[in-house]
C-alpha atoms as a PDB file:
ATOM      1  CA  MET A   1      36.564 -92.441  36.625  1.00  0.00           C
ATOM      2  CA  THR A   2      33.210 -93.856  35.648  1.00  0.00           C
ATOM      3  CA  TYR A   3      32.226 -97.417  34.580  1.00  0.00           C
ATOM      4  CA  GLN A   4      32.087 -96.732  30.758  1.00  0.00           C
ATOM      5  CA  GLU A   5      36.024 -95.153  31.521  1.00  0.00           C
ATOM      6  CA  PHE A   6      36.855 -98.641  32.947  1.00  0.00           C
ATOM      7  CA  ILE A   7      35.237-100.172  30.273  1.00  0.00           C
ATOM      8  CA  ASN A   8      37.691 -98.516  27.891  1.00  0.00           C
ATOM      9  CA  THR A   9      40.796 -99.959  29.585  1.00  0.00           C
ATOM     10  CA  LEU A  10      39.942-102.821  29.055  1.00  0.00           C
ATOM     11  CA  ASN A  11      42.106-103.211  25.711  1.00  0.00           C
ATOM     12  CA  GLN A  12      45.123-101.751  26.781  1.00  0.00           C
ATOM     13  CA  ASP A  13      48.030-103.708  27.365  1.00  0.00           C
ATOM     14  CA  SER A  14      48.211-102.998  30.678  1.00  0.00           C
ATOM     15  CA  PRO A  15      45.818-101.345  33.324  1.00  0.00           C
ATOM     16  CA  PRO A  16      45.628 -97.451  34.376  1.00  0.00           C
ATOM     17  CA  GLN A  17      48.673 -96.494  36.558  1.00  0.00           C
ATOM     18  CA  LYS A  18      45.549 -94.650  37.863  1.00  0.00           C
ATOM     19  CA  LEU A  19      43.617 -97.785  39.272  1.00  0.00           C
ATOM     20  CA  ASN A  20      43.150 -98.882  42.747  1.00  0.00           C
ATOM     21  CA  PRO A  21      44.905-102.166  43.330  1.00  0.00           C
ATOM     22  CA  ILE A  22      41.583-103.929  43.927  1.00  0.00           C
ATOM     23  CA  LEU A  23      40.461-102.359  40.079  1.00  0.00           C
ATOM     24  CA  THR A  24      43.815-103.345  38.724  1.00  0.00           C
ATOM     25  CA  ALA A  25      43.052-107.040  39.481  1.00  0.00           C
ATOM     26  CA  LEU A  26      39.851-106.652  38.093  1.00  0.00           C
ATOM     27  CA  TRP A  27      41.148-105.832  34.882  1.00  0.00           C
ATOM     28  CA  TRP A  28      43.673-108.389  35.052  1.00  0.00           C
ATOM     29  CA  ASP A  29      41.307-110.941  35.924  1.00  0.00           C
ATOM     30  CA  PHE A  30      38.932-109.371  32.286  1.00  0.00           C
ATOM     31  CA  ARG A  31      42.238-109.519  30.664  1.00  0.00           C
ATOM     32  CA  ASN A  32      42.117-113.350  31.716  1.00  0.00           C
ATOM     33  CA  ASP A  33      45.179-113.211  34.176  1.00  0.00           C
ATOM     34  CA  TRP A  34      43.836-114.487  36.996  1.00  0.00           C
ATOM     35  CA  HIS A  35      47.159-115.476  38.593  1.00  0.00           C
ATOM     36  CA  LYS A  36      47.457-111.115  38.317  1.00  0.00           C
ATOM     37  CA  ALA A  37      44.156-110.787  40.364  1.00  0.00           C
ATOM     38  CA  HIS A  38      44.906-112.831  42.958  1.00  0.00           C
ATOM     39  CA  ASP A  39      48.094-111.930  43.773  1.00  0.00           C
ATOM     40  CA  ILE A  40      46.379-108.026  43.922  1.00  0.00           C
ATOM     41  CA  ALA A  41      44.200-110.151  46.037  1.00  0.00           C
ATOM     42  CA  GLN A  42      46.071-111.755  48.220  1.00  0.00           C
ATOM     43  CA  SER A  43      48.755-108.671  48.978  1.00  0.00           C
ATOM     44  CA  LYS A  44      46.561-107.236  51.826  1.00  0.00           C
ATOM     45  CA  GLU A  45      44.666-110.351  52.845  1.00  0.00           C
ATOM     46  CA  GLY A  46      42.666-110.141  55.883  1.00  0.00           C
ATOM     47  CA  THR A  47      41.451-106.398  54.447  1.00  0.00           C
ATOM     48  CA  LEU A  48      37.493-105.961  53.654  1.00  0.00           C
ATOM     49  CA  ALA A  49      37.841-105.225  50.131  1.00  0.00           C
ATOM     50  CA  TYR A  50      40.539-107.733  48.952  1.00  0.00           C
ATOM     51  CA  ASP A  51      39.063-110.440  50.939  1.00  0.00           C
ATOM     52  CA  ARG A  52      36.050-109.532  49.107  1.00  0.00           C
ATOM     53  CA  LEU A  53      38.339-110.067  45.510  1.00  0.00           C
ATOM     54  CA  HIS A  54      39.517-113.109  46.746  1.00  0.00           C
ATOM     55  CA  ALA A  55      36.250-114.469  46.812  1.00  0.00           C
ATOM     56  CA  TYR A  56      34.896-113.772  43.437  1.00  0.00           C
ATOM     57  CA  LEU A  57      38.579-115.261  42.171  1.00  0.00           C
ATOM     58  CA  HIS A  58      38.428-118.442  43.864  1.00  0.00           C
ATOM     59  CA  ARG A  59      34.004-119.011  43.206  1.00  0.00           C
ATOM     60  CA  LYS A  60      35.883-118.455  39.247  1.00  0.00           C
ATOM     61  CA  GLU A  61      38.725-120.737  39.235  1.00  0.00           C
ATOM     62  CA  GLY A  62      35.584-123.166  40.712  1.00  0.00           C
ATOM     63  CA  ASP A  63      36.786-123.971  43.756  1.00  0.00           C
ATOM     64  CA  LYS A  64      33.646-123.332  45.874  1.00  0.00           C
ATOM     65  CA  TRP A  65      34.799-124.798  49.098  1.00  0.00           C
ATOM     66  CA  ASN A  66      37.363-122.108  48.974  1.00  0.00           C
ATOM     67  CA  ALA A  67      35.478-119.223  48.116  1.00  0.00           C
ATOM     68  CA  ASN A  68      32.749-120.312  50.173  1.00  0.00           C
ATOM     69  CA  TYR A  69      35.367-119.700  53.283  1.00  0.00           C
ATOM     70  CA  TRP A  70      36.157-115.934  51.563  1.00  0.00           C
ATOM     71  CA  TYR A  71      33.238-115.286  50.916  1.00  0.00           C
ATOM     72  CA  ARG A  72      32.592-116.078  54.992  1.00  0.00           C
ATOM     73  CA  ARG A  73      35.423-113.937  55.968  1.00  0.00           C
ATOM     74  CA  CYS A  74      33.488-110.542  54.424  1.00  0.00           C
ATOM     75  CA  GLY A  75      30.754-111.412  55.839  1.00  0.00           C
ATOM     76  CA  GLU A  76      28.537-112.606  53.320  1.00  0.00           C
ATOM     77  CA  LYS A  77      27.586-115.656  51.303  1.00  0.00           C
ATOM     78  CA  MET A  78      27.894-117.203  47.736  1.00  0.00           C
ATOM     79  CA  ARG A  79      26.322-115.166  45.156  1.00  0.00           C
ATOM     80  CA  GLU A  80      23.042-116.827  43.225  1.00  0.00           C
ATOM     81  CA  ILE A  81      24.056-114.459  39.959  1.00  0.00           C
ATOM     82  CA  THR A  82      26.333-114.767  36.972  1.00  0.00           C
ATOM     83  CA  LEU A  83      30.090-114.771  37.467  1.00  0.00           C
ATOM     84  CA  GLN A  84      29.732-111.349  34.501  1.00  0.00           C
ATOM     85  CA  ASP A  85      27.082-109.744  37.175  1.00  0.00           C
ATOM     86  CA  GLU A  86      29.263-109.868  39.929  1.00  0.00           C
ATOM     87  CA  TRP A  87      32.374-108.623  38.025  1.00  0.00           C
ATOM     88  CA  GLN A  88      30.709-105.332  37.021  1.00  0.00           C
ATOM     89  CA  GLN A  89      29.034-105.156  40.963  1.00  0.00           C
ATOM     90  CA  LEU A  90      32.174-105.270  41.976  1.00  0.00           C
ATOM     91  CA  VAL A  91      34.129-103.038  39.583  1.00  0.00           C
ATOM     92  CA  ASN A  92      31.308-100.769  40.405  1.00  0.00           C
ATOM     93  CA  ARG A  93      31.703-101.473  43.640  1.00  0.00           C
ATOM     94  CA  PHE A  94      35.297-100.255  43.946  1.00  0.00           C
ATOM     95  CA  LEU A  95      35.203 -97.393  41.485  1.00  0.00           C
ATOM     96  CA  THR A  96      33.104 -95.611  44.698  1.00  0.00           C
ATOM     97  CA  GLU A  97      34.469 -97.123  47.034  1.00  0.00           C
ATOM     98  CA  TYR A  98      37.715 -97.875  47.513  1.00  0.00           C
END
């Protein structure tokens, strides 16, 4: 799936079944269902990809302390970019990586 194909799914009622869980979480996040996205992030805590998602979600929530904890767990620092840019980077990353 390309980035544009993923974007085209965002107007559907539910995420495509063929999406990996990280992309499914980012799909729900875009649709303003932070809790569904967060449930996915928590489902495999300790896994790098899920911890990275978790970091972004807590940054978006506004909980900087918790976000920094998750960024550290995945060996990164909190981004100094917009949330939208980080979301786009994550989508592109997990379209190819996971």
